[in-house]
Amino acid sequence: MDLTVVAYVVYLLISVGLTVWVARTLSQNGRIFLADVLQGNEKLADAVNHLLVVGFYLVNLGFVALYLKAADAVTDARGLFEALSVKIGVVLLVLGVMHLANVYVLNKIRRRGAMEREHVPPVPPQGWTGQAGSNPWAAPAAGPAGA
């Protein structure tokens, strides 16, 4: 059997397995985080979680498929391990970058929501503190001379 084909099969098995494992882990553990980001809306958190998992699968499996082709033919066991280590290493880096990007965006959304909740005044504004008809941006009037 051609070692290049063996490299393809091993690469696909490991890459797809890693993608499925990471997606399941993110889905299970990210649900709580999403519920917090979405202020306890469980149905919306589940829906967003599912959409993120589908997008994660599409991007990562698409990358795995595009990165399948080997630049050189694999002729020996050493070449097999070298080709696999490069390909799987790149897939792991892409999975890690995707994970960090998801966490970064969700954390930004979570912080924005927390800031909006903190900036709501405890009492609604009751009126303007300046004098009616005066320009609040005008320079202060000059005081009495010699004062």
N, C-alpha and C. Protein backbone atom coordinates (compact mmCIF):
# COMPACT_ATOMS: atom_id res chain seq x y z
N MET A 1 0.84 -1.19 0.00
CA MET A 1 0.00 0.00 0.00
C MET A 1 0.89 1.25 0.00
N ASP A 2 0.46 2.26 -0.69
CA ASP A 2 1.20 3.52 -0.78
C ASP A 2 1.17 4.23 0.57
N LEU A 3 2.33 4.67 1.05
CA LEU A 3 2.41 5.34 2.35
C LEU A 3 1.73 6.71 2.33
N THR A 4 1.62 7.33 1.18
CA THR A 4 0.92 8.60 1.11
C THR A 4 -0.56 8.41 1.44
N VAL A 5 -1.13 7.32 0.96
CA VAL A 5 -2.53 7.02 1.27
C VAL A 5 -2.69 6.72 2.75
N VAL A 6 -1.73 6.02 3.33
CA VAL A 6 -1.76 5.74 4.77
C VAL A 6 -1.71 7.06 5.55
N ALA A 7 -0.87 7.98 5.10
CA ALA A 7 -0.78 9.29 5.76
C ALA A 7 -2.12 10.02 5.67
N TYR A 8 -2.78 9.96 4.52
CA TYR A 8 -4.09 10.59 4.36
C TYR A 8 -5.11 10.01 5.33
N VAL A 9 -5.15 8.70 5.41
CA VAL A 9 -6.14 8.04 6.27
C VAL A 9 -5.90 8.38 7.73
N VAL A 10 -4.65 8.29 8.17
CA VAL A 10 -4.33 8.58 9.57
C VAL A 10 -4.61 10.05 9.88
N TYR A 11 -4.23 10.93 8.96
CA TYR A 11 -4.49 12.37 9.13
C TYR A 11 -5.98 12.64 9.27
N LEU A 12 -6.79 12.06 8.39
CA LEU A 12 -8.23 12.27 8.46
C LEU A 12 -8.83 11.73 9.76
N LEU A 13 -8.42 10.55 10.16
CA LEU A 13 -8.96 9.97 11.39
C LEU A 13 -8.62 10.83 12.61
N ILE A 14 -7.37 11.24 12.71
CA ILE A 14 -6.95 12.05 13.87
C ILE A 14 -7.59 13.43 13.82
N SER A 15 -7.58 14.08 12.67
CA SER A 15 -8.11 15.44 12.56
C SER A 15 -9.61 15.49 12.80
N VAL A 16 -10.35 14.58 12.22
CA VAL A 16 -11.80 14.56 12.42
C VAL A 16 -12.11 14.21 13.88
N GLY A 17 -11.38 13.26 14.43
CA GLY A 17 -11.57 12.90 15.85
C GLY A 17 -11.30 14.08 16.77
N LEU A 18 -10.22 14.82 16.52
CA LEU A 18 -9.91 15.99 17.34
C LEU A 18 -10.98 17.07 17.19
N THR A 19 -11.46 17.28 15.97
CA THR A 19 -12.48 18.29 15.73
C THR A 19 -13.76 17.94 16.48
N VAL A 20 -14.17 16.69 16.43
CA VAL A 20 -15.39 16.26 17.13
C VAL A 20 -15.21 16.40 18.63
N TRP A 21 -14.07 15.99 19.15
CA TRP A 21 -13.82 16.09 20.59
C TRP A 21 -13.83 17.54 21.07
N VAL A 22 -13.15 18.42 20.34
CA VAL A 22 -13.11 19.83 20.74
C VAL A 22 -14.50 20.45 20.65
N ALA A 23 -15.24 20.14 19.59
CA ALA A 23 -16.58 20.70 19.44
C ALA A 23 -17.50 20.25 20.57
N ARG A 24 -17.45 18.98 20.93
CA ARG A 24 -18.29 18.49 22.04
C ARG A 24 -17.89 19.13 23.36
N THR A 25 -16.60 19.27 23.59
CA THR A 25 -16.13 19.88 24.82
C THR A 25 -16.58 21.33 24.90
N LEU A 26 -16.41 22.07 23.81
CA LEU A 26 -16.84 23.46 23.79
C LEU A 26 -18.35 23.59 23.96
N SER A 27 -19.09 22.69 23.35
CA SER A 27 -20.55 22.73 23.45
C SER A 27 -21.02 22.49 24.88
N GLN A 28 -20.47 21.47 25.51
CA GLN A 28 -20.90 21.13 26.87
C GLN A 28 -20.49 22.19 27.88
N ASN A 29 -19.26 22.65 27.79
CA ASN A 29 -18.76 23.59 28.79
C ASN A 29 -19.08 25.04 28.46
N GLY A 30 -19.35 25.33 27.19
CA GLY A 30 -19.66 26.69 26.80
C GLY A 30 -21.09 27.10 27.05
N ARG A 31 -21.97 26.14 27.28
CA ARG A 31 -23.39 26.45 27.50
C ARG A 31 -23.59 27.35 28.71
N ILE A 32 -22.88 27.06 29.79
CA ILE A 32 -23.00 27.87 31.01
C ILE A 32 -22.52 29.29 30.75
N PHE A 33 -21.41 29.40 30.04
CA PHE A 33 -20.86 30.71 29.70
C PHE A 33 -21.84 31.49 28.83
N LEU A 34 -22.43 30.83 27.85
CA LEU A 34 -23.40 31.49 26.97
C LEU A 34 -24.63 31.93 27.74
N ALA A 35 -25.09 31.12 28.67
CA ALA A 35 -26.25 31.50 29.47
C ALA A 35 -25.94 32.78 30.26
N ASP A 36 -24.72 32.91 30.76
CA ASP A 36 -24.32 34.11 31.48
C ASP A 36 -24.25 35.31 30.53
N VAL A 37 -23.66 35.09 29.36
CA VAL A 37 -23.55 36.17 28.38
C VAL A 37 -24.93 36.67 27.96
N LEU A 38 -25.86 35.73 27.81
CA LEU A 38 -27.20 36.07 27.35
C LEU A 38 -28.17 36.30 28.50
N GLN A 39 -27.65 36.61 29.66
CA GLN A 39 -28.40 37.01 30.86
C GLN A 39 -29.45 35.98 31.27
N GLY A 40 -29.07 34.70 31.23
CA GLY A 40 -29.93 33.64 31.74
C GLY A 40 -30.98 33.12 30.77
N ASN A 41 -30.97 33.57 29.54
CA ASN A 41 -31.95 33.11 28.55
C ASN A 41 -31.47 31.74 28.04
N GLU A 42 -31.99 30.66 28.65
CA GLU A 42 -31.51 29.30 28.37
C GLU A 42 -31.79 28.87 26.93
N LYS A 43 -32.98 29.18 26.42
CA LYS A 43 -33.32 28.77 25.05
C LYS A 43 -32.41 29.45 24.04
N LEU A 44 -32.17 30.72 24.24
CA LEU A 44 -31.29 31.45 23.33
C LEU A 44 -29.85 30.94 23.47
N ALA A 45 -29.43 30.62 24.68
CA ALA A 45 -28.08 30.08 24.90
C ALA A 45 -27.92 28.75 24.17
N ASP A 46 -28.93 27.88 24.25
CA ASP A 46 -28.87 26.60 23.55
C ASP A 46 -28.81 26.79 22.04
N ALA A 47 -29.62 27.73 21.52
CA ALA A 47 -29.64 27.98 20.08
C ALA A 47 -28.30 28.54 19.60
N VAL A 48 -27.75 29.51 20.32
CA VAL A 48 -26.45 30.09 19.94
C VAL A 48 -25.36 29.03 20.05
N ASN A 49 -25.42 28.22 21.09
CA ASN A 49 -24.44 27.16 21.27
C ASN A 49 -24.46 26.19 20.08
N HIS A 50 -25.66 25.81 19.66
CA HIS A 50 -25.78 24.90 18.52
C HIS A 50 -25.24 25.54 17.24
N LEU A 51 -25.57 26.81 17.02
CA LEU A 51 -25.07 27.51 15.83
C LEU A 51 -23.55 27.62 15.85
N LEU A 52 -22.98 27.89 17.01
CA LEU A 52 -21.52 27.97 17.11
C LEU A 52 -20.87 26.62 16.82
N VAL A 53 -21.47 25.54 17.29
CA VAL A 53 -20.92 24.21 17.04
C VAL A 53 -20.98 23.87 15.55
N VAL A 54 -22.10 24.19 14.91
CA VAL A 54 -22.21 23.92 13.46
C VAL A 54 -21.17 24.72 12.70
N GLY A 55 -21.02 25.99 13.02
CA GLY A 55 -20.00 26.81 12.37
C GLY A 55 -18.60 26.29 12.62
N PHE A 56 -18.36 25.83 13.85
CA PHE A 56 -17.05 25.27 14.20
C PHE A 56 -16.74 24.04 13.35
N TYR A 57 -17.73 23.14 13.22
CA TYR A 57 -17.55 21.96 12.37
C TYR A 57 -17.29 22.34 10.92
N LEU A 58 -18.07 23.26 10.39
CA LEU A 58 -17.92 23.64 8.99
C LEU A 58 -16.54 24.22 8.71
N VAL A 59 -16.10 25.13 9.55
CA VAL A 59 -14.80 25.76 9.32
C VAL A 59 -13.66 24.75 9.49
N ASN A 60 -13.68 23.99 10.57
CA ASN A 60 -12.57 23.08 10.84
C ASN A 60 -12.53 21.90 9.89
N LEU A 61 -13.68 21.29 9.60
CA LEU A 61 -13.66 20.17 8.66
C LEU A 61 -13.35 20.64 7.25
N GLY A 62 -13.78 21.85 6.90
CA GLY A 62 -13.39 22.42 5.62
C GLY A 62 -11.90 22.61 5.52
N PHE A 63 -11.30 23.12 6.60
CA PHE A 63 -9.85 23.29 6.60
C PHE A 63 -9.13 21.95 6.52
N VAL A 64 -9.61 20.96 7.27
CA VAL A 64 -8.99 19.63 7.23
C VAL A 64 -9.04 19.06 5.81
N ALA A 65 -10.17 19.23 5.15
CA ALA A 65 -10.29 18.71 3.78
C ALA A 65 -9.37 19.45 2.81
N LEU A 66 -9.29 20.77 2.94
CA LEU A 66 -8.42 21.54 2.05
C LEU A 66 -6.94 21.27 2.30
N TYR A 67 -6.60 20.95 3.52
CA TYR A 67 -5.19 20.74 3.89
C TYR A 67 -4.78 19.28 3.71
N LEU A 68 -5.61 18.46 3.12
CA LEU A 68 -5.34 17.02 2.99
C LEU A 68 -4.17 16.73 2.06
N LYS A 69 -4.09 17.40 0.94
CA LYS A 69 -3.09 17.08 -0.07
C LYS A 69 -1.67 17.25 0.46
N ALA A 70 -0.86 16.24 0.22
CA ALA A 70 0.54 16.29 0.65
C ALA A 70 1.37 16.95 -0.45
N ALA A 71 2.36 17.74 -0.05
CA ALA A 71 3.23 18.40 -1.02
C ALA A 71 4.12 17.38 -1.72
N ASP A 72 4.66 16.45 -0.97
CA ASP A 72 5.56 15.43 -1.52
C ASP A 72 4.99 14.05 -1.22
N ALA A 73 5.37 13.10 -2.04
CA ALA A 73 4.96 11.72 -1.79
C ALA A 73 5.69 11.18 -0.57
N VAL A 74 4.98 10.39 0.22
CA VAL A 74 5.58 9.78 1.41
C VAL A 74 6.18 8.45 0.98
N THR A 75 7.49 8.28 1.23
CA THR A 75 8.17 7.07 0.75
C THR A 75 8.61 6.13 1.85
N ASP A 76 8.73 6.64 3.08
CA ASP A 76 9.18 5.78 4.17
C ASP A 76 8.49 6.17 5.47
N ALA A 77 8.75 5.40 6.52
CA ALA A 77 8.09 5.63 7.81
C ALA A 77 8.45 7.00 8.37
N ARG A 78 9.68 7.41 8.20
CA ARG A 78 10.10 8.72 8.69
C ARG A 78 9.30 9.83 8.00
N GLY A 79 9.16 9.75 6.71
CA GLY A 79 8.38 10.74 5.97
C GLY A 79 6.92 10.74 6.38
N LEU A 80 6.40 9.55 6.71
CA LEU A 80 5.03 9.43 7.17
C LEU A 80 4.82 10.21 8.47
N PHE A 81 5.72 10.01 9.42
CA PHE A 81 5.60 10.70 10.71
C PHE A 81 5.82 12.20 10.56
N GLU A 82 6.74 12.60 9.70
CA GLU A 82 6.98 14.03 9.50
C GLU A 82 5.77 14.70 8.86
N ALA A 83 5.19 14.07 7.86
CA ALA A 83 4.02 14.64 7.20
C ALA A 83 2.85 14.73 8.17
N LEU A 84 2.65 13.67 8.95
CA LEU A 84 1.55 13.68 9.92
C LEU A 84 1.75 14.72 11.00
N SER A 85 2.99 14.86 11.48
CA SER A 85 3.22 15.82 12.56
C SER A 85 2.96 17.25 12.10
N VAL A 86 3.35 17.58 10.88
CA VAL A 86 3.11 18.92 10.37
C VAL A 86 1.61 19.15 10.17
N LYS A 87 0.95 18.21 9.54
CA LYS A 87 -0.47 18.39 9.25
C LYS A 87 -1.31 18.43 10.53
N ILE A 88 -1.07 17.54 11.45
CA ILE A 88 -1.85 17.52 12.70
C ILE A 88 -1.50 18.73 13.57
N GLY A 89 -0.25 19.14 13.56
CA GLY A 89 0.14 20.34 14.30
C GLY A 89 -0.58 21.57 13.80
N VAL A 90 -0.69 21.71 12.49
CA VAL A 90 -1.41 22.86 11.93
C VAL A 90 -2.90 22.78 12.28
N VAL A 91 -3.47 21.60 12.20
CA VAL A 91 -4.89 21.45 12.57
C VAL A 91 -5.09 21.82 14.04
N LEU A 92 -4.20 21.39 14.91
CA LEU A 92 -4.32 21.74 16.33
C LEU A 92 -4.22 23.25 16.54
N LEU A 93 -3.31 23.91 15.81
CA LEU A 93 -3.20 25.36 15.93
C LEU A 93 -4.47 26.06 15.44
N VAL A 94 -5.04 25.59 14.35
CA VAL A 94 -6.28 26.18 13.84
C VAL A 94 -7.41 25.97 14.84
N LEU A 95 -7.52 24.78 15.42
CA LEU A 95 -8.54 24.52 16.44
C LEU A 95 -8.36 25.46 17.63
N GLY A 96 -7.13 25.65 18.05
CA GLY A 96 -6.85 26.53 19.19
C GLY A 96 -7.20 27.98 18.88
N VAL A 97 -6.85 28.45 17.69
CA VAL A 97 -7.17 29.82 17.30
C VAL A 97 -8.68 30.02 17.22
N MET A 98 -9.38 29.04 16.66
CA MET A 98 -10.84 29.13 16.59
C MET A 98 -11.46 29.20 17.99
N HIS A 99 -10.94 28.38 18.88
CA HIS A 99 -11.45 28.38 20.26
C HIS A 99 -11.20 29.74 20.92
N LEU A 100 -9.98 30.25 20.81
CA LEU A 100 -9.67 31.54 21.42
C LEU A 100 -10.50 32.67 20.82
N ALA A 101 -10.74 32.62 19.52
CA ALA A 101 -11.56 33.65 18.89
C ALA A 101 -12.99 33.61 19.43
N ASN A 102 -13.55 32.41 19.56
CA ASN A 102 -14.90 32.28 20.11
C ASN A 102 -14.97 32.83 21.54
N VAL A 103 -14.02 32.45 22.37
CA VAL A 103 -14.02 32.90 23.77
C VAL A 103 -13.83 34.42 23.83
N TYR A 104 -12.98 34.97 22.99
CA TYR A 104 -12.74 36.41 22.98
C TYR A 104 -14.01 37.18 22.63
N VAL A 105 -14.68 36.77 21.57
CA VAL A 105 -15.90 37.46 21.14
C VAL A 105 -16.99 37.34 22.20
N LEU A 106 -17.19 36.15 22.74
CA LEU A 106 -18.22 35.97 23.77
C LEU A 106 -17.90 36.76 25.03
N ASN A 107 -16.62 36.85 25.38
CA ASN A 107 -16.23 37.62 26.56
C ASN A 107 -16.49 39.12 26.33
N LYS A 108 -16.24 39.60 25.11
CA LYS A 108 -16.53 41.00 24.80
C LYS A 108 -18.03 41.27 24.93
N ILE A 109 -18.85 40.35 24.44
CA ILE A 109 -20.31 40.50 24.54
C ILE A 109 -20.72 40.49 26.01
N ARG A 110 -20.13 39.59 26.78
CA ARG A 110 -20.46 39.48 28.21
C ARG A 110 -20.09 40.75 28.96
N ARG A 111 -18.90 41.29 28.67
CA ARG A 111 -18.47 42.53 29.34
C ARG A 111 -19.37 43.70 28.97
N ARG A 112 -19.75 43.78 27.69
CA ARG A 112 -20.62 44.87 27.26
C ARG A 112 -21.95 44.80 28.00
N GLY A 113 -22.50 43.61 28.13
CA GLY A 113 -23.76 43.45 28.86
C GLY A 113 -23.62 43.82 30.32
N ALA A 114 -22.50 43.44 30.93
CA ALA A 114 -22.27 43.78 32.34
C ALA A 114 -22.12 45.28 32.52
N MET A 115 -21.44 45.94 31.58
CA MET A 115 -21.28 47.39 31.68
C MET A 115 -22.61 48.11 31.51
N GLU A 116 -23.45 47.60 30.62
CA GLU A 116 -24.76 48.22 30.44
C GLU A 116 -25.61 48.07 31.69
N ARG A 117 -25.52 46.92 32.35
CA ARG A 117 -26.29 46.73 33.58
C ARG A 117 -25.78 47.63 34.69
N GLU A 118 -24.47 47.91 34.73
CA GLU A 118 -23.90 48.75 35.78
C GLU A 118 -24.16 50.23 35.56
N HIS A 119 -24.31 50.65 34.31
CA HIS A 119 -24.46 52.07 34.01
C HIS A 119 -25.90 52.56 34.04
N VAL A 120 -26.81 51.70 34.37
CA VAL A 120 -28.20 52.14 34.50
C VAL A 120 -28.32 52.88 35.83
N PRO A 121 -28.78 54.13 35.81
CA PRO A 121 -28.86 54.87 37.08
C PRO A 121 -29.90 54.25 38.00
N PRO A 122 -29.66 54.29 39.30
CA PRO A 122 -30.60 53.69 40.24
C PRO A 122 -31.92 54.46 40.29
N VAL A 123 -31.86 55.75 40.00
CA VAL A 123 -33.05 56.59 40.00
C VAL A 123 -33.08 57.30 38.65
N PRO A 124 -34.22 57.34 38.00
CA PRO A 124 -34.26 58.03 36.70
C PRO A 124 -33.98 59.52 36.89
N PRO A 125 -33.39 60.15 35.88
CA PRO A 125 -33.11 61.60 35.99
C PRO A 125 -34.41 62.37 36.25
N GLN A 126 -34.31 63.39 37.11
CA GLN A 126 -35.51 64.12 37.51
C GLN A 126 -35.59 65.50 36.89
N GLY A 127 -34.60 65.93 36.20
CA GLY A 127 -34.66 67.25 35.57
C GLY A 127 -33.28 67.80 35.31
N TRP A 128 -33.24 68.97 34.71
CA TRP A 128 -31.98 69.63 34.36
C TRP A 128 -31.55 70.49 35.53
N THR A 129 -30.28 70.48 35.85
CA THR A 129 -29.80 71.25 37.00
C THR A 129 -29.44 72.69 36.66
N GLY A 130 -29.28 72.99 35.37
CA GLY A 130 -28.94 74.36 34.97
C GLY A 130 -30.16 75.26 35.01
N GLN A 131 -29.94 76.56 34.90
CA GLN A 131 -31.05 77.51 34.90
C GLN A 131 -31.72 77.49 33.54
N ALA A 132 -33.01 77.65 33.53
CA ALA A 132 -33.76 77.64 32.27
C ALA A 132 -33.32 78.80 31.41
N GLY A 133 -33.10 78.54 30.13
CA GLY A 133 -32.73 79.58 29.19
C GLY A 133 -31.25 79.90 29.17
N SER A 134 -30.46 79.38 30.11
CA SER A 134 -29.02 79.68 30.10
C SER A 134 -28.30 78.65 29.24
N ASN A 135 -27.17 79.05 28.71
CA ASN A 135 -26.35 78.16 27.89
C ASN A 135 -25.38 77.44 28.80
N PRO A 136 -25.48 76.12 28.93
CA PRO A 136 -24.58 75.43 29.86
C PRO A 136 -23.12 75.44 29.39
N TRP A 137 -22.88 75.79 28.12
CA TRP A 137 -21.51 75.79 27.60
C TRP A 137 -20.89 77.18 27.60
N ALA A 138 -21.62 78.18 28.05
CA ALA A 138 -21.10 79.55 28.06
C ALA A 138 -20.08 79.72 29.18
N ALA A 139 -19.16 80.66 28.96
CA ALA A 139 -18.13 80.94 29.98
C ALA A 139 -18.82 81.59 31.19
N PRO A 140 -18.25 81.37 32.38
CA PRO A 140 -18.87 81.98 33.57
C PRO A 140 -18.87 83.52 33.44
N ALA A 141 -19.89 84.09 33.99
CA ALA A 141 -20.00 85.56 33.96
C ALA A 141 -18.93 86.16 34.85
N ALA A 142 -18.45 87.33 34.46
CA ALA A 142 -17.42 88.02 35.24
C ALA A 142 -18.02 88.52 36.54
N GLY A 143 -17.27 88.37 37.60
CA GLY A 143 -17.75 88.80 38.91
C GLY A 143 -17.58 90.32 39.07
N PRO A 144 -17.91 90.83 40.24
CA PRO A 144 -17.75 92.27 40.50
C PRO A 144 -16.28 92.67 40.37
N ALA A 145 -16.05 93.88 39.88
CA ALA A 145 -14.68 94.39 39.69
C ALA A 145 -13.98 94.53 41.02
N GLY A 146 -12.73 94.14 41.06
CA GLY A 146 -11.93 94.28 42.26
C GLY A 146 -12.13 93.16 43.24
N ALA A 147 -12.92 92.20 42.95
CA ALA A 147 -13.16 91.13 43.88
C ALA A 147 -12.13 90.07 43.78
